[in-house]
Structures are given as C-alpha cells and as structure tokens.
Amino acid sequence: EVVDDPAQVTHPVAVGVAQQVFRTTAISGGENLALLGRVDDTQLRQLYAGAAVLVAPSRYGGFGIPIVEAGRFGCPAVFAVGSAMTEVAGDAGLGFHADDIADCVTQVKKVITDTQLRRELSVQARANAERFTWERTAHAIFPDAAPPLKVLHVTETFSAGTGTAI
C-alpha cells in the first residue's frame, strides 16, 4: 500500500522509498508496511514524532542526519555500527552489525516492547540531538568569528540531483 499522507499511517512500519542511483530496489511486505515515497519536512516531522524507533541499517551512511532529526522528537534509533552513525547516535540508540539483520530485528523488538528502555532512549535521543545544531557547528568551524555568525550550508541530494540550502 502506498500512502500519500504520513499522518494517515496506521501501520507499524513506514518505509521511505527513494530513487536509487546505481541499482533498482524492490520492497514488498504485508499489511504492516506502508510505502511512503518522498515526504516533505512537515510529513517527516510527523513520522519522527509518531515513531517508536528509527531503523538506520546503512553500512555506508554519511553523517547520520536522520538519527539526529529523529532524536529531536525523542525517537531512538537502531543503527548499523561501524559508520559515522555510531558516533552520531551515541547512547541514543542500539547498534547492530550491518551483516546481522537478525540482531537488527532483535534490537528493534527490544525498543518497541520495553517501555522503560524506549523512554530512556527517547530522553537520550533528545539530549543527543542537542549536540548537533547549525550554530554549534558554525562556531566549531569558525571559532574566532563574532556572533551572530551566519552560515549558508548547501547540500546536494545525490540521488535526486537537487540542491537544498539550509
């Protein structure tokens, strides 16, 4: 089932499906899977705020912005260790080896079913996200600059080929 409005997601699992640059992907599932496609910022905030856990299984992930974004809404992460995500997530999630999908499933189930653990990880996720702000990043890169420091950060979304200024 493809869902256009993330606010209408009632399924336990919501999946964003993005265009792949070097390969074709196919995702199939049962009644508990909602394929979302591309979502806007408002929809993404709704998804993070309503999620019990963010699963970040990439072994080659970049910085790990989704972990920080989800953390701002108290959403803990289950992530593949060994990339930048390990450092970015800190104590705000549970790690697994990218080749061990069974452990990923175990960690996700643990977060979903253990209310106390999820609550603790949620608090840690919010605190962890505060480590990563554009203002702190700008002052770390330009420590001698006088406030207010204004920095334009331009990123390129490689798979879609569109630039975004933040």
C-alpha atoms as a PDB file:
ATOM      1  CA  GLU A   1       0.000   0.000   0.000  1.00  0.00           C
ATOM      2  CA  VAL A   2       1.377   3.413  -0.953  1.00  0.00           C
ATOM      3  CA  VAL A   3       0.339   6.182   1.425  1.00  0.00           C
ATOM      4  CA  ASP A   4       0.404   9.823   0.320  1.00  0.00           C
ATOM      5  CA  ASP A   5      -0.206  11.383   3.737  1.00  0.00           C
ATOM      6  CA  PRO A   6       2.109  10.160   6.531  1.00  0.00           C
ATOM      7  CA  ALA A   7      -0.387  11.396   9.117  1.00  0.00           C
ATOM      8  CA  GLN A   8      -2.667   8.609   7.891  1.00  0.00           C
ATOM      9  CA  VAL A   9      -0.059   5.889   8.516  1.00  0.00           C
ATOM     10  CA  THR A  10      -1.572   3.389  10.873  1.00  0.00           C
ATOM     11  CA  HIS A  11       0.835   0.607  10.037  1.00  0.00           C
ATOM     12  CA  PRO A  12       3.589  -0.441  12.405  1.00  0.00           C
ATOM     13  CA  VAL A  13       6.220   0.059   9.675  1.00  0.00           C
ATOM     14  CA  ALA A  14       6.544   3.108   7.423  1.00  0.00           C
ATOM     15  CA  VAL A  15       9.187   2.966   4.702  1.00  0.00           C
ATOM     16  CA  GLY A  16      10.519   5.784   2.575  1.00  0.00           C
ATOM     17  CA  VAL A  17      11.345   4.580  -0.906  1.00  0.00           C
ATOM     18  CA  ALA A  18      13.874   6.742  -2.723  1.00  0.00           C
ATOM     19  CA  GLN A  19      15.180   6.625  -6.239  1.00  0.00           C
ATOM     20  CA  GLN A  20      18.396   4.626  -6.334  1.00  0.00           C
ATOM     21  CA  VAL A  21      21.313   5.852  -8.407  1.00  0.00           C
ATOM     22  CA  PHE A  22      23.201   2.647  -9.124  1.00  0.00           C
ATOM     23  CA  ARG A  23      20.636  -0.072  -8.525  1.00  0.00           C
ATOM     24  CA  THR A  24      16.976  -0.846  -8.532  1.00  0.00           C
ATOM     25  CA  THR A  25      15.273  -1.709  -5.280  1.00  0.00           C
ATOM     26  CA  ALA A  26      12.051  -3.500  -4.658  1.00  0.00           C
ATOM     27  CA  ILE A  27      10.291  -3.537  -1.322  1.00  0.00           C
ATOM     28  CA  SER A  28       7.361  -5.742  -0.651  1.00  0.00           C
ATOM     29  CA  GLY A  29       5.532  -6.529   2.512  1.00  0.00           C
ATOM     30  CA  GLY A  30       2.292  -7.317   4.170  1.00  0.00           C
ATOM     31  CA  GLU A  31      -0.392  -5.323   5.853  1.00  0.00           C
ATOM     32  CA  ASN A  32       2.020  -3.805   8.367  1.00  0.00           C
ATOM     33  CA  LEU A  33       4.060  -1.951   5.735  1.00  0.00           C
ATOM     34  CA  ALA A  34       3.304   1.492   4.302  1.00  0.00           C
ATOM     35  CA  LEU A  35       5.435   2.661   1.362  1.00  0.00           C
ATOM     36  CA  LEU A  36       5.652   6.432   1.570  1.00  0.00           C
ATOM     37  CA  GLY A  37       7.929   7.577  -1.214  1.00  0.00           C
ATOM     38  CA  ARG A  38       9.253  11.112  -0.856  1.00  0.00           C
ATOM     39  CA  VAL A  39       7.858  13.123   2.087  1.00  0.00           C
ATOM     40  CA  ASP A  40       8.128  16.831   2.826  1.00  0.00           C
ATOM     41  CA  ASP A  41       9.551  18.309   6.043  1.00  0.00           C
ATOM     42  CA  THR A  42       6.185  18.583   7.778  1.00  0.00           C
ATOM     43  CA  GLN A  43       5.336  14.986   6.985  1.00  0.00           C
ATOM     44  CA  LEU A  44       8.792  13.866   8.104  1.00  0.00           C
ATOM     45  CA  ARG A  45       8.337  15.602  11.476  1.00  0.00           C
ATOM     46  CA  GLN A  46       5.001  13.802  11.897  1.00  0.00           C
ATOM     47  CA  LEU A  47       6.633  10.468  11.175  1.00  0.00           C
ATOM     48  CA  TYR A  48       9.525  11.045  13.600  1.00  0.00           C
ATOM     49  CA  ALA A  49       7.178  12.263  16.323  1.00  0.00           C
ATOM     50  CA  GLY A  50       4.939   9.222  15.973  1.00  0.00           C
ATOM     51  CA  ALA A  51       7.626   6.568  15.566  1.00  0.00           C
ATOM     52  CA  ALA A  52       8.736   4.193  18.306  1.00  0.00           C
ATOM     53  CA  VAL A  53      12.112   3.684  16.631  1.00  0.00           C
ATOM     54  CA  LEU A  54      14.124   4.773  13.595  1.00  0.00           C
ATOM     55  CA  VAL A  55      15.965   1.939  11.862  1.00  0.00           C
ATOM     56  CA  ALA A  56      19.161   3.042  10.096  1.00  0.00           C
ATOM     57  CA  PRO A  57      20.682  -0.107   8.574  1.00  0.00           C
ATOM     58  CA  SER A  58      23.165   1.511   6.178  1.00  0.00           C
ATOM     59  CA  ARG A  59      26.729   0.297   6.412  1.00  0.00           C
ATOM     60  CA  TYR A  60      27.957   3.229   4.325  1.00  0.00           C
ATOM     61  CA  GLY A  61      25.905   6.023   5.839  1.00  0.00           C
ATOM     62  CA  GLY A  62      27.199   9.543   5.820  1.00  0.00           C
ATOM     63  CA  PHE A  63      26.864  11.740   8.877  1.00  0.00           C
ATOM     64  CA  GLY A  64      23.599  10.252  10.127  1.00  0.00           C
ATOM     65  CA  ILE A  65      21.280  13.257   9.944  1.00  0.00           C
ATOM     66  CA  PRO A  66      18.129  11.085  10.200  1.00  0.00           C
ATOM     67  CA  ILE A  67      19.316   9.890  13.634  1.00  0.00           C
ATOM     68  CA  VAL A  68      19.681  13.497  14.806  1.00  0.00           C
ATOM     69  CA  GLU A  69      16.379  14.563  13.236  1.00  0.00           C
ATOM     70  CA  ALA A  70      14.511  11.659  14.822  1.00  0.00           C
ATOM     71  CA  GLY A  71      16.214  12.340  18.155  1.00  0.00           C
ATOM     72  CA  ARG A  72      14.838  15.880  18.233  1.00  0.00           C
ATOM     73  CA  PHE A  73      11.409  14.265  18.509  1.00  0.00           C
ATOM     74  CA  GLY A  74      12.518  11.705  21.078  1.00  0.00           C
ATOM     75  CA  CYS A  75      12.662   8.867  18.585  1.00  0.00           C
ATOM     76  CA  PRO A  76      15.514   6.461  19.411  1.00  0.00           C
ATOM     77  CA  ALA A  77      17.485   4.704  16.689  1.00  0.00           C
ATOM     78  CA  VAL A  78      18.573   1.186  15.918  1.00  0.00           C
ATOM     79  CA  PHE A  79      21.562   1.599  13.650  1.00  0.00           C
ATOM     80  CA  ALA A  80      24.326  -0.285  11.883  1.00  0.00           C
ATOM     81  CA  VAL A  81      27.607   0.193  13.722  1.00  0.00           C
ATOM     82  CA  GLY A  82      30.867   0.990  12.004  1.00  0.00           C
ATOM     83  CA  SER A  83      29.935   4.173  10.177  1.00  0.00           C
ATOM     84  CA  ALA A  84      29.502   7.743  11.406  1.00  0.00           C
ATOM     85  CA  MET A  85      26.098   6.717  12.744  1.00  0.00           C
ATOM     86  CA  THR A  86      27.784   5.017  15.697  1.00  0.00           C
ATOM     87  CA  GLU A  87      29.292   8.297  16.866  1.00  0.00           C
ATOM     88  CA  VAL A  88      26.272  10.402  15.943  1.00  0.00           C
ATOM     89  CA  ALA A  89      23.785   8.155  17.782  1.00  0.00           C
ATOM     90  CA  GLY A  90      25.898   7.887  20.912  1.00  0.00           C
ATOM     91  CA  ASP A  91      23.798   6.482  23.755  1.00  0.00           C
ATOM     92  CA  ALA A  92      20.561   7.426  21.995  1.00  0.00           C
ATOM     93  CA  GLY A  93      20.052   4.085  20.329  1.00  0.00           C
ATOM     94  CA  LEU A  94      21.110   0.496  19.946  1.00  0.00           C
ATOM     95  CA  GLY A  95      23.636  -0.714  17.413  1.00  0.00           C
ATOM     96  CA  PHE A  96      23.936  -3.907  15.401  1.00  0.00           C
ATOM     97  CA  HIS A  97      26.400  -5.180  12.823  1.00  0.00           C
ATOM     98  CA  ALA A  98      25.159  -4.446   9.300  1.00  0.00           C
ATOM     99  CA  ASP A  99      25.510  -8.095   8.304  1.00  0.00           C
ATOM    100  CA  ASP A 100      23.370  -9.288  11.223  1.00  0.00           C
ATOM    101  CA  ILE A 101      19.791  -8.497  10.277  1.00  0.00           C
ATOM    102  CA  ALA A 102      18.526 -10.903  12.933  1.00  0.00           C
ATOM    103  CA  ASP A 103      20.202  -8.753  15.591  1.00  0.00           C
ATOM    104  CA  CYS A 104      18.663  -5.653  13.988  1.00  0.00           C
ATOM    105  CA  VAL A 105      15.229  -7.235  14.376  1.00  0.00           C
ATOM    106  CA  THR A 106      16.048  -8.189  17.977  1.00  0.00           C
ATOM    107  CA  GLN A 107      17.129  -4.632  18.815  1.00  0.00           C
ATOM    108  CA  VAL A 108      14.031  -3.127  17.164  1.00  0.00           C
ATOM    109  CA  LYS A 109      11.751  -5.502  19.083  1.00  0.00           C
ATOM    110  CA  LYS A 110      13.579  -4.627  22.298  1.00  0.00           C
ATOM    111  CA  VAL A 111      12.978  -0.895  21.796  1.00  0.00           C
ATOM    112  CA  ILE A 112       9.350  -1.410  20.815  1.00  0.00           C
ATOM    113  CA  THR A 113       8.419  -3.808  23.613  1.00  0.00           C
ATOM    114  CA  ASP A 114      10.473  -2.452  26.532  1.00  0.00           C
ATOM    115  CA  THR A 115       8.642   0.731  27.530  1.00  0.00           C
ATOM    116  CA  GLN A 116      11.266   1.740  30.105  1.00  0.00           C
ATOM    117  CA  LEU A 117      14.129   1.273  27.623  1.00  0.00           C
ATOM    118  CA  ARG A 118      12.274   3.246  24.952  1.00  0.00           C
ATOM    119  CA  ARG A 119      11.588   6.038  27.450  1.00  0.00           C
ATOM    120  CA  GLU A 120      15.275   6.175  28.476  1.00  0.00           C
ATOM    121  CA  LEU A 121      16.468   6.102  24.863  1.00  0.00           C
ATOM    122  CA  SER A 122      13.940   8.804  23.981  1.00  0.00           C
ATOM    123  CA  VAL A 123      15.346  11.123  26.646  1.00  0.00           C
ATOM    124  CA  GLN A 124      18.884  10.338  25.499  1.00  0.00           C
ATOM    125  CA  ALA A 125      17.890  10.893  21.849  1.00  0.00           C
ATOM    126  CA  ARG A 126      16.611  14.404  22.617  1.00  0.00           C
ATOM    127  CA  ALA A 127      19.748  15.256  24.611  1.00  0.00           C
ATOM    128  CA  ASN A 128      21.965  13.757  21.949  1.00  0.00           C
ATOM    129  CA  ALA A 129      20.305  15.794  19.197  1.00  0.00           C
ATOM    130  CA  GLU A 130      21.175  18.983  21.089  1.00  0.00           C
ATOM    131  CA  ARG A 131      24.861  18.237  20.444  1.00  0.00           C
ATOM    132  CA  PHE A 132      24.228  18.858  16.756  1.00  0.00           C
ATOM    133  CA  THR A 133      22.973  22.317  15.889  1.00  0.00           C
ATOM    134  CA  TRP A 134      23.964  24.504  12.958  1.00  0.00           C
ATOM    135  CA  GLU A 135      25.051  27.207  15.414  1.00  0.00           C
ATOM    136  CA  ARG A 136      27.396  24.849  17.287  1.00  0.00           C
ATOM    137  CA  THR A 137      28.755  23.519  14.010  1.00  0.00           C
ATOM    138  CA  ALA A 138      29.419  27.026  12.692  1.00  0.00           C
ATOM    139  CA  HIS A 139      31.219  28.033  15.891  1.00  0.00           C
ATOM    140  CA  ALA A 140      33.294  24.841  15.821  1.00  0.00           C
ATOM    141  CA  ILE A 141      34.367  25.552  12.250  1.00  0.00           C
ATOM    142  CA  PHE A 142      34.821  29.314  12.765  1.00  0.00           C
ATOM    143  CA  PRO A 143      35.710  29.639  16.477  1.00  0.00           C
ATOM    144  CA  ASP A 144      37.036  33.197  16.171  1.00  0.00           C
ATOM    145  CA  ALA A 145      34.029  34.620  14.322  1.00  0.00           C
ATOM    146  CA  ALA A 146      31.996  37.237  16.145  1.00  0.00           C
ATOM    147  CA  PRO A 147      28.323  36.461  16.765  1.00  0.00           C
ATOM    148  CA  PRO A 148      25.878  36.415  15.190  1.00  0.00           C
ATOM    149  CA  LEU A 149      27.556  34.035  12.777  1.00  0.00           C
ATOM    150  CA  LYS A 150      25.584  33.333   9.614  1.00  0.00           C
ATOM    151  CA  VAL A 151      26.484  30.305   7.533  1.00  0.00           C
ATOM    152  CA  LEU A 152      24.715  29.015   4.454  1.00  0.00           C
ATOM    153  CA  HIS A 153      25.019  25.244   4.196  1.00  0.00           C
ATOM    154  CA  VAL A 154      24.284  23.860   0.752  1.00  0.00           C
ATOM    155  CA  THR A 155      23.842  20.146   0.284  1.00  0.00           C
ATOM    156  CA  GLU A 156      23.292  18.150  -2.858  1.00  0.00           C
ATOM    157  CA  THR A 157      20.795  15.326  -2.767  1.00  0.00           C
ATOM    158  CA  PHE A 158      22.768  12.970  -4.969  1.00  0.00           C
ATOM    159  CA  SER A 159      20.032  10.531  -5.958  1.00  0.00           C
ATOM    160  CA  ALA A 160      17.535  13.228  -6.883  1.00  0.00           C
ATOM    161  CA  GLY A 161      20.054  15.712  -8.250  1.00  0.00           C
ATOM    162  CA  THR A 162      18.563  18.670  -6.416  1.00  0.00           C
ATOM    163  CA  GLY A 163      20.321  21.109  -4.116  1.00  0.00           C
ATOM    164  CA  THR A 164      18.941  22.230  -0.804  1.00  0.00           C
ATOM    165  CA  ALA A 165      20.033  25.317   1.119  1.00  0.00           C
ATOM    166  CA  ILE A 166      19.640  25.136   4.851  1.00  0.00           C
END
